[in-house]
């Protein structure tokens, strides 16, 4: 028998928003493929429900157009027939994701996240032919699917809990998109979009995480903390994405039975990418502030939105070229809808 969603207003809001600023960087002056994504592991944020299926649809938007080396803003180099990419333009990243989650019982959940990556990247190629050209790549393609299982421990307290997440990121996204037009110095050879900006990474990654949440009966306040590690263990085409660790601390304040204010601090540490097709100017440390709002439409349906703003950004440079940089985002946006069937 299908069990309806059992909802506590504060914990519902907390479950709706766990913003993790996922930023992947690649190339001499990296394209900076960046996403602001919403973590909709509802049980991991304190929302409990019976057996059944839920669907979370969310959309995120981020425009990477600020070149950064370390923690400093820098300007793109002037053309000099170097043959390198000059990251003097932008990468517009959009993500439309469908997350299907099935609660087998109050302890075990299984979630499958299917992303559509919509990207528009442009830069200037400092061709060795002596004439700089503007190159671009636009696509809307399936990204890397995530399959995550979750186990919630029995805390003995209906207003607090903790658990574990574990799963895989699968190499379902393409890694062969190209830029156009081709390099005038070698017009017969397709010019590949850098690996960090492709729809997929080409790797199979292990995902491990943990969470804790708590609220007080009769109080409008609640809080949660979560962390997740992702590491590639199977790669292809001489590219390995850097290991990443994300940490989130957040809280919610109930304004009314339907509306809740949300606030989070999100931290990300990402290692340098590795392999012959990787750029050492990748990875870094990032700290973001994410205010948001959730609103309950019905007993089973909620909508949410938030803006993510950087508090600190440190983009790794190529040790051999300290002046190299990565494109970073000044802010990002996410909107979504969650429904329990």
Protein backbone atom coordinates (compact mmCIF):
# COMPACT_ATOMS: atom_id res chain seq x y z
CA UNK A 1 0.00 0.00 0.00
CA UNK A 2 1.33 3.46 -0.88
CA UNK A 3 2.15 5.62 2.12
CA UNK A 4 1.77 9.38 1.85
CA UNK A 5 4.51 11.79 2.71
CA UNK A 6 4.84 12.47 6.42
CA UNK A 7 5.96 16.07 6.57
CA UNK A 8 7.30 18.29 9.30
CA UNK A 9 7.36 21.91 7.89
CA UNK A 10 10.84 22.73 9.15
CA UNK A 11 12.37 19.49 8.08
CA UNK A 12 10.61 19.66 4.73
CA UNK A 13 12.33 22.95 3.96
CA UNK A 14 15.64 21.63 5.11
CA UNK A 15 15.23 18.64 2.87
CA UNK A 16 14.50 20.79 -0.13
CA UNK A 17 17.78 22.61 -0.18
CA UNK A 18 21.30 21.30 0.30
CA UNK A 19 23.24 23.41 -2.15
CA UNK A 20 26.60 22.01 -3.16
CA UNK A 21 28.55 24.21 -5.55
CA UNK A 22 30.12 21.65 -7.83
CA UNK A 23 32.87 23.25 -9.87
CA UNK A 24 35.03 21.38 -12.40
CA UNK A 25 37.94 23.05 -14.16
CA UNK A 26 40.14 22.10 -17.09
CA UNK A 27 42.62 23.48 -19.70
CA UNK A 28 45.47 26.01 -19.78
CA UNK A 29 43.06 28.75 -18.83
CA UNK A 30 40.15 26.61 -17.84
CA UNK A 31 36.63 26.91 -19.26
CA UNK A 32 35.34 26.55 -15.73
CA UNK A 33 32.37 24.21 -16.17
CA UNK A 34 30.40 25.09 -13.05
CA UNK A 35 27.11 23.96 -11.60
CA UNK A 36 25.05 25.00 -8.65
CA UNK A 37 23.08 21.86 -7.82
CA UNK A 38 20.41 21.05 -5.27
CA UNK A 39 20.77 17.99 -3.06
CA UNK A 40 17.27 16.56 -2.72
CA UNK A 41 18.06 13.60 -0.46
CA UNK A 42 15.02 14.44 1.66
CA UNK A 43 15.63 11.84 4.34
CA UNK A 44 19.23 13.05 4.63
CA UNK A 45 17.91 16.51 5.55
CA UNK A 46 15.36 15.29 8.08
CA UNK A 47 12.27 14.62 5.98
CA UNK A 48 10.87 11.15 6.64
CA UNK A 49 8.25 9.36 4.61
CA UNK A 50 6.95 5.85 4.13
CA UNK A 51 7.59 3.50 1.28
CA UNK A 52 7.08 4.84 -2.21
CA UNK A 53 8.46 6.87 -5.09
CA UNK A 54 9.35 10.55 -5.18
CA UNK A 55 10.55 12.77 -8.03
CA UNK A 56 12.66 15.90 -7.78
CA UNK A 57 13.02 18.11 -10.87
CA UNK A 58 15.52 20.93 -10.65
CA UNK A 59 17.12 23.48 -12.93
CA UNK A 60 20.36 25.36 -12.30
CA UNK A 61 22.10 28.19 -14.13
CA UNK A 62 25.67 29.49 -13.76
CA UNK A 63 27.78 31.75 -15.97
CA UNK A 64 31.55 31.42 -15.57
CA UNK A 65 33.11 34.62 -16.90
CA UNK A 66 35.65 35.75 -14.31
CA UNK A 67 39.21 34.57 -14.84
CA UNK A 68 40.94 33.77 -11.56
CA UNK A 69 44.40 32.53 -10.53
CA UNK A 70 44.52 31.48 -6.90
CA UNK A 71 42.24 33.91 -5.09
CA UNK A 72 43.02 36.86 -7.44
CA UNK A 73 41.09 38.08 -10.50
CA UNK A 74 43.33 38.23 -13.58
CA UNK A 75 42.97 39.29 -17.22
CA UNK A 76 43.43 37.02 -20.21
CA UNK A 77 46.76 37.28 -22.00
CA UNK A 78 47.03 39.20 -25.27
CA UNK A 79 47.26 37.13 -28.49
CA UNK A 80 50.82 36.11 -29.39
CA UNK A 81 50.38 33.13 -31.77
CA UNK A 82 50.96 30.83 -28.78
CA UNK A 83 48.53 28.13 -29.95
CA UNK A 84 46.74 28.28 -26.57
CA UNK A 85 43.15 29.04 -25.64
CA UNK A 86 42.56 32.54 -24.24
CA UNK A 87 39.70 32.33 -21.76
CA UNK A 88 38.46 35.86 -22.41
CA UNK A 89 34.79 35.02 -22.94
CA UNK A 90 32.43 32.76 -20.97
CA UNK A 91 30.89 29.38 -20.25
CA UNK A 92 27.13 29.36 -19.61
CA UNK A 93 26.14 26.20 -17.77
CA UNK A 94 22.58 24.98 -17.36
CA UNK A 95 21.54 21.70 -15.78
CA UNK A 96 18.09 20.12 -15.92
CA UNK A 97 18.01 17.10 -13.66
CA UNK A 98 15.44 14.45 -12.74
CA UNK A 99 16.05 12.58 -9.50
CA UNK A 100 13.96 9.47 -8.89
CA UNK A 101 14.06 8.18 -5.33
CA UNK A 102 12.42 5.03 -4.01
CA UNK A 103 12.05 4.41 -0.27
CA UNK A 104 12.18 0.66 0.16
CA UNK A 105 11.46 1.02 3.89
CA UNK A 106 12.15 3.64 6.60
CA UNK A 107 15.85 2.67 6.61
CA UNK A 108 16.80 2.08 2.96
CA UNK A 109 16.43 4.41 -0.05
CA UNK A 110 17.68 4.19 -3.62
CA UNK A 111 18.03 7.27 -5.84
CA UNK A 112 18.84 7.66 -9.56
CA UNK A 113 19.77 11.13 -10.85
CA UNK A 114 19.57 11.74 -14.63
CA UNK A 115 21.05 15.08 -15.79
CA UNK A 116 20.66 16.99 -19.05
CA UNK A 117 23.72 19.21 -19.54
CA UNK A 118 23.11 22.43 -21.50
CA UNK A 119 26.36 24.29 -22.15
CA UNK A 120 27.48 27.26 -24.24
CA UNK A 121 31.24 27.88 -24.19
CA UNK A 122 33.23 30.47 -26.15
CA UNK A 123 36.87 31.51 -26.12
CA UNK A 124 39.55 32.96 -28.40
CA UNK A 125 42.03 30.50 -29.89
CA UNK A 126 45.46 32.14 -30.17
CA UNK A 127 46.28 30.18 -33.34
CA UNK A 128 49.89 29.65 -34.40
CA UNK A 129 48.66 30.66 -37.87
CA UNK A 130 48.93 34.20 -36.56
CA UNK A 131 45.23 35.11 -36.60
CA UNK A 132 43.23 34.69 -33.37
CA UNK A 133 39.77 33.19 -33.95
CA UNK A 134 36.66 32.95 -31.79
CA UNK A 135 35.64 29.35 -31.14
CA UNK A 136 32.45 28.06 -29.55
CA UNK A 137 30.67 24.86 -28.57
CA UNK A 138 26.97 24.54 -27.76
CA UNK A 139 25.15 21.36 -26.81
CA UNK A 140 22.28 19.82 -24.82
CA UNK A 141 23.20 16.27 -23.93
CA UNK A 142 22.83 13.57 -21.30
CA UNK A 143 25.41 13.92 -18.55
CA UNK A 144 26.78 11.37 -16.07
CA UNK A 145 24.06 9.45 -14.22
CA UNK A 146 24.38 8.94 -10.45
CA UNK A 147 23.00 5.91 -8.57
CA UNK A 148 23.04 6.40 -4.79
CA UNK A 149 21.83 4.20 -1.95
CA UNK A 150 21.09 5.62 1.49
CA UNK A 151 20.83 4.05 4.92
CA UNK A 152 19.32 5.84 7.92
CA UNK A 153 20.24 4.68 11.40
CA UNK A 154 17.61 4.32 14.12
CA UNK A 155 18.31 7.32 16.38
CA UNK A 156 15.30 6.76 18.62
CA UNK A 157 14.38 10.45 18.16
CA UNK A 158 11.78 11.42 15.53
CA UNK A 159 13.23 14.96 15.39
CA UNK A 160 16.88 13.98 14.82
CA UNK A 161 18.76 11.42 12.81
CA UNK A 162 21.88 10.48 10.85
CA UNK A 163 22.84 8.16 8.05
CA UNK A 164 25.14 7.22 5.18
CA UNK A 165 25.09 7.61 1.39
CA UNK A 166 27.03 5.42 -1.05
CA UNK A 167 26.90 4.87 -4.78
CA UNK A 168 28.39 5.39 -8.22
CA UNK A 169 28.65 8.07 -10.88
CA UNK A 170 28.46 6.33 -14.24
CA UNK A 171 30.26 7.37 -17.48
CA UNK A 172 27.08 8.01 -19.50
CA UNK A 173 27.96 11.50 -20.75
CA UNK A 174 29.79 12.09 -24.03
CA UNK A 175 33.48 13.12 -24.06
CA UNK A 176 33.92 13.90 -27.77
CA UNK A 177 32.33 17.32 -28.36
CA UNK A 178 34.38 19.69 -30.55
CA UNK A 179 34.83 23.45 -30.93
CA UNK A 180 34.15 25.29 -34.17
CA UNK A 181 35.59 26.56 -36.36
CA UNK A 182 38.75 24.45 -36.51
CA UNK A 183 42.24 25.82 -35.85
CA UNK A 184 43.47 27.58 -39.06
CA UNK A 185 46.92 26.12 -38.38
CA UNK A 186 45.46 22.58 -38.68
CA UNK A 187 42.01 22.83 -40.30
CA UNK A 188 41.74 19.09 -41.03
CA UNK A 189 41.92 18.10 -37.35
CA UNK A 190 38.81 18.59 -35.16
CA UNK A 191 39.51 20.86 -32.19
CA UNK A 192 38.18 19.06 -29.11
CA UNK A 193 36.36 20.85 -26.35
CA UNK A 194 38.41 20.47 -23.19
CA UNK A 195 37.60 17.45 -21.06
CA UNK A 196 36.40 19.42 -18.03
CA UNK A 197 33.67 21.05 -20.15
CA UNK A 198 32.41 17.87 -21.87
CA UNK A 199 28.94 16.50 -20.99
CA UNK A 200 30.62 13.66 -19.07
CA UNK A 201 33.96 12.91 -17.44
CA UNK A 202 34.39 9.43 -18.96
CA UNK A 203 35.05 8.01 -15.49
CA UNK A 204 33.24 5.75 -13.04
CA UNK A 205 33.36 7.36 -9.59
CA UNK A 206 32.77 6.09 -6.08
CA UNK A 207 30.45 8.26 -3.95
CA UNK A 208 30.50 8.15 -0.13
CA UNK A 209 28.66 10.53 2.20
CA UNK A 210 27.20 11.06 5.65
CA UNK A 211 24.61 13.39 7.17
CA UNK A 212 23.02 14.49 10.42
CA UNK A 213 19.94 16.63 11.13
CA UNK A 214 18.09 17.92 14.18
CA UNK A 215 15.12 20.09 15.11
CA UNK A 216 13.31 20.92 18.35
CA UNK A 217 9.56 20.28 18.75
CA UNK A 218 7.68 23.58 18.77
CA UNK A 219 10.67 25.56 17.44
CA UNK A 220 10.74 27.27 14.04
CA UNK A 221 14.49 26.56 13.72
CA UNK A 222 16.29 23.46 12.45
CA UNK A 223 19.76 22.55 11.23
CA UNK A 224 21.62 19.87 9.28
CA UNK A 225 25.15 18.95 8.25
CA UNK A 226 26.27 16.72 5.39
CA UNK A 227 29.47 15.71 3.64
CA UNK A 228 30.28 13.77 0.49
CA UNK A 229 33.41 12.45 -1.22
CA UNK A 230 33.67 11.50 -4.89
CA UNK A 231 36.65 9.70 -6.40
CA UNK A 232 37.20 8.13 -9.83
CA UNK A 233 38.37 4.50 -9.84
CA UNK A 234 37.90 3.68 -13.54
CA UNK A 235 38.89 6.16 -16.26
CA UNK A 236 39.39 6.36 -20.02
CA UNK A 237 41.11 8.44 -22.68
CA UNK A 238 43.96 9.55 -20.40
CA UNK A 239 41.85 11.71 -18.11
CA UNK A 240 41.04 11.41 -14.42
CA UNK A 241 38.88 14.06 -12.72
CA UNK A 242 40.24 15.29 -9.41
CA UNK A 243 38.84 13.89 -6.17
CA UNK A 244 36.27 16.15 -4.54
CA UNK A 245 35.02 16.64 -0.98
CA UNK A 246 31.93 18.73 -0.23
CA UNK A 247 30.69 19.89 3.19
CA UNK A 248 27.38 21.63 3.87
CA UNK A 249 26.05 23.25 7.04
CA UNK A 250 22.57 24.72 6.89
CA UNK A 251 19.42 25.68 8.70
CA UNK A 252 15.80 26.62 8.14
CA UNK A 253 13.30 28.98 9.74
CA UNK A 254 9.58 28.37 9.30
CA UNK A 255 7.69 31.51 8.30
CA UNK A 256 4.31 29.80 7.94
CA UNK A 257 2.96 26.27 7.51
CA UNK A 258 3.77 26.60 3.81
CA UNK A 259 6.87 28.85 3.56
CA UNK A 260 10.35 28.38 5.03
CA UNK A 261 13.50 30.49 4.78
CA UNK A 262 16.73 28.58 4.16
CA UNK A 263 20.40 29.39 4.59
CA UNK A 264 23.47 27.28 3.93
CA UNK A 265 27.24 27.45 3.83
CA UNK A 266 28.72 25.11 1.24
CA UNK A 267 32.40 24.18 1.02
CA UNK A 268 34.15 22.30 -1.80
CA UNK A 269 37.71 21.03 -2.15
CA UNK A 270 38.57 19.57 -5.55
CA UNK A 271 41.93 18.10 -6.47
CA UNK A 272 43.76 18.66 -9.74
CA UNK A 273 42.71 16.58 -12.72
CA UNK A 274 45.22 13.98 -13.87
CA UNK A 275 46.31 12.25 -17.09
CA UNK A 276 47.71 13.31 -20.44
CA UNK A 277 44.44 15.02 -21.40
CA UNK A 278 44.14 16.89 -18.12
CA UNK A 279 45.28 20.40 -17.33
CA UNK A 280 47.17 21.04 -14.09
CA UNK A 281 45.26 24.35 -13.85
CA UNK A 282 42.24 22.60 -12.38
CA UNK A 283 40.57 22.18 -9.02
CA UNK A 284 40.73 24.43 -6.00
CA UNK A 285 38.89 25.45 -2.84
CA UNK A 286 35.50 27.18 -2.79
CA UNK A 287 33.18 28.46 -0.07
CA UNK A 288 29.63 29.58 -0.92
CA UNK A 289 26.64 31.12 0.84
CA UNK A 290 23.23 29.86 -0.30
CA UNK A 291 20.05 31.63 0.87
CA UNK A 292 16.77 30.20 -0.34
CA UNK A 293 13.04 29.70 0.12
CA UNK A 294 10.74 26.67 -0.07
CA UNK A 295 6.96 26.67 -0.44
CA UNK A 296 4.52 23.81 0.05
CA UNK A 297 1.86 23.65 -2.69
CA UNK A 298 0.13 20.49 -1.47
CA UNK A 299 0.73 17.77 1.09
CA UNK A 300 2.84 15.95 -1.51
CA UNK A 301 4.32 18.77 -3.63
CA UNK A 302 6.84 21.50 -2.80
CA UNK A 303 8.71 24.10 -4.87
CA UNK A 304 12.00 25.75 -3.95
CA UNK A 305 14.63 28.18 -5.16
CA UNK A 306 17.93 29.63 -4.04
CA UNK A 307 20.81 31.86 -5.06
CA UNK A 308 24.39 30.80 -4.39
CA UNK A 309 27.06 33.46 -3.85
CA UNK A 310 30.81 32.90 -3.36
CA UNK A 311 32.43 33.80 -0.06
CA UNK A 312 35.86 32.55 -1.14
CA UNK A 313 37.25 31.17 -4.40
CA UNK A 314 40.74 29.72 -4.88
CA UNK A 315 41.44 28.35 -8.36
CA UNK A 316 44.55 26.20 -8.80
CA UNK A 317 47.00 27.33 -11.46
CA UNK A 318 49.37 25.26 -13.57
CA UNK A 319 52.59 25.00 -11.47
CA UNK A 320 54.59 25.40 -14.68
CA UNK A 321 52.59 28.49 -15.70
CA UNK A 322 51.64 30.50 -12.60
CA UNK A 323 49.78 33.06 -14.72
CA UNK A 324 47.29 30.46 -15.95
CA UNK A 325 43.76 30.69 -14.60
CA UNK A 326 40.25 29.31 -14.45
CA UNK A 327 36.89 30.87 -15.21
CA UNK A 328 34.77 31.22 -12.05
CA UNK A 329 31.16 32.23 -11.39
CA UNK A 330 30.01 35.40 -9.56
CA UNK A 331 26.68 33.79 -8.61
CA UNK A 332 24.35 30.94 -9.58
CA UNK A 333 20.66 30.09 -9.42
CA UNK A 334 18.61 26.93 -8.87
CA UNK A 335 14.87 26.23 -8.97
CA UNK A 336 13.03 22.98 -8.40
CA UNK A 337 9.92 20.98 -7.66
CA UNK A 338 9.59 17.89 -5.45
CA UNK A 339 6.65 15.49 -5.54
CA UNK A 340 5.97 12.29 -3.57
CA UNK A 341 3.64 9.85 -5.31
